[in-house]
């Protein structure tokens, strides 16, 4: 379920696995590997879950930054964790 009432998506485990594997391949193509740190700056949407699971699948550490934070707050969090990629 999303932030707004009535916002919802239904997905099967098979569809989720396909999306996660596909996004994990995108992360690998961007040079992300096991142990790398990735920041995720997304609202409560399906792609947030896909990005989290894709990071876990390849062994990357993910840090979720709430989409309501300002650009300065996001910058501080990126610098603090030393992330190599930002997903937004």
Protein backbone atom coordinates (compact mmCIF):
# COMPACT_ATOMS: atom_id res chain seq x y z
CA UNK A 1 0.00 0.00 0.00
CA UNK A 2 1.16 3.51 -0.79
CA UNK A 3 0.84 6.74 1.14
CA UNK A 4 -2.56 7.67 -0.25
CA UNK A 5 -5.69 5.69 0.64
CA UNK A 6 -6.55 3.44 -2.24
CA UNK A 7 -2.99 3.38 -3.62
CA UNK A 8 -2.10 -0.28 -3.81
CA UNK A 9 -0.42 -2.72 -6.16
CA UNK A 10 -0.74 -6.49 -6.21
CA UNK A 11 2.26 -8.49 -7.34
CA UNK A 12 3.10 -12.18 -7.22
CA UNK A 13 6.32 -13.53 -5.72
CA UNK A 14 7.37 -14.60 -9.20
CA UNK A 15 6.86 -11.08 -10.59
CA UNK A 16 8.73 -9.61 -7.62
CA UNK A 17 11.65 -12.00 -8.13
CA UNK A 18 11.84 -11.05 -11.81
CA UNK A 19 11.90 -7.32 -10.97
CA UNK A 20 14.50 -7.80 -8.21
CA UNK A 21 16.82 -9.85 -10.46
CA UNK A 22 16.45 -7.32 -13.26
CA UNK A 23 17.30 -4.41 -10.95
CA UNK A 24 20.18 -6.34 -9.38
CA UNK A 25 21.63 -6.65 -12.89
CA UNK A 26 21.23 -2.87 -13.34
CA UNK A 27 23.11 -2.29 -10.08
CA UNK A 28 25.88 -4.66 -11.18
CA UNK A 29 26.14 -2.86 -14.53
CA UNK A 30 26.67 0.37 -12.57
CA UNK A 31 29.60 -1.22 -10.75
CA UNK A 32 27.86 -1.98 -7.44
CA UNK A 33 29.30 -5.06 -5.76
CA UNK A 34 29.17 -6.90 -2.45
CA UNK A 35 29.92 -4.58 0.47
CA UNK A 36 29.23 -1.35 -1.44
CA UNK A 37 26.88 1.16 0.16
CA UNK A 38 23.80 2.37 -1.71
CA UNK A 39 21.39 5.11 -0.64
CA UNK A 40 17.74 4.84 -1.62
CA UNK A 41 15.67 8.05 -1.78
CA UNK A 42 12.15 6.98 -2.82
CA UNK A 43 8.58 7.35 -1.60
CA UNK A 44 6.56 4.30 -0.51
CA UNK A 45 6.29 2.67 -3.93
CA UNK A 46 6.95 -0.83 -5.24
CA UNK A 47 10.32 0.23 -6.64
CA UNK A 48 11.54 0.95 -3.09
CA UNK A 49 11.03 -2.69 -2.13
CA UNK A 50 12.59 -3.87 -5.40
CA UNK A 51 15.66 -1.68 -4.83
CA UNK A 52 16.08 -2.90 -1.22
CA UNK A 53 15.82 -6.56 -2.22
CA UNK A 54 18.14 -6.07 -5.22
CA UNK A 55 20.79 -4.59 -2.93
CA UNK A 56 20.42 -7.51 -0.55
CA UNK A 57 20.60 -9.95 -3.45
CA UNK A 58 24.04 -8.74 -4.55
CA UNK A 59 25.31 -8.12 -1.01
CA UNK A 60 25.29 -4.32 -1.10
CA UNK A 61 24.39 -2.42 2.05
CA UNK A 62 21.42 -0.10 1.57
CA UNK A 63 20.40 3.00 3.48
CA UNK A 64 16.87 4.29 3.04
CA UNK A 65 16.37 8.05 3.25
CA UNK A 66 12.77 9.15 3.68
CA UNK A 67 11.65 11.02 0.55
CA UNK A 68 10.46 13.95 2.66
CA UNK A 69 13.98 14.97 3.69
CA UNK A 70 15.55 18.07 2.17
CA UNK A 71 18.41 17.99 -0.33
CA UNK A 72 20.84 19.08 2.40
CA UNK A 73 19.76 16.26 4.71
CA UNK A 74 20.08 13.78 1.87
CA UNK A 75 23.57 15.09 1.10
CA UNK A 76 24.66 14.69 4.72
CA UNK A 77 23.44 11.10 4.84
CA UNK A 78 25.17 10.24 1.56
CA UNK A 79 28.46 11.67 2.80
CA UNK A 80 28.15 10.05 6.24
CA UNK A 81 27.68 6.54 4.89
CA UNK A 82 30.04 6.96 1.93
CA UNK A 83 27.60 5.50 -0.54
CA UNK A 84 28.66 4.76 -4.08
CA UNK A 85 25.20 5.08 -5.66
CA UNK A 86 21.96 6.94 -5.03
CA UNK A 87 18.69 5.42 -6.22
CA UNK A 88 15.95 8.00 -6.66
